[in-house]
Amino acid sequence: MLQITIINGPNLNLLGKREPGVYGNETFDDCLAGLKAHYPQVNFTYFQSNIEGEIVDAIQAAGFNQDGIIINPAAYTHTSIAIGDAIAAIKTPVIEVHISNVHAREEFRKISHVSAKVVGSIIGLGLKGYALATDWFISNAGSK
């Protein structure tokens, strides 16, 4: 069974309530339930935190024993050198997902300390980005 960890950053615990015009009405719990139902061949582990160091700890914990990590560092994408460094330090491949199109938003959101450290980025396709990342890991299983 494929092992994928999803790590979400600050304020993503408020999906479904927070700025639905930007992030939609679906909660992440609903998204995760849909992923588990659609991909029975994948064992998903989920972690969310509003605290940068906890996200670094989660990356390190998953970074040597999982088949893939899907990360949405949220606002920490634009500020956290530590999260980028943690991704660079591990062996597990990582895909970055952003629900909104960060390039069509404020200027500061165009800066990423994560993008250069991941195998790919999925940006602006809503929660479907998590499924697309999962599809990539399934298609590339065994090639890490």
Foldseek 3Di string as FASTA:
>chain_A
DAEEEEEEEPPLQCALNPPCVFANNDRVVVLVVVLCVVCVVYDYHYYYDHDPVVSLVVLQVCQEPHQEYEYANDPCQLPPLSNQVSLQPGDHAYEYEEQQALVPDDPSSVHGSHQVSHPYYHHHNHSCRVVVVVVVSVVCPPVD
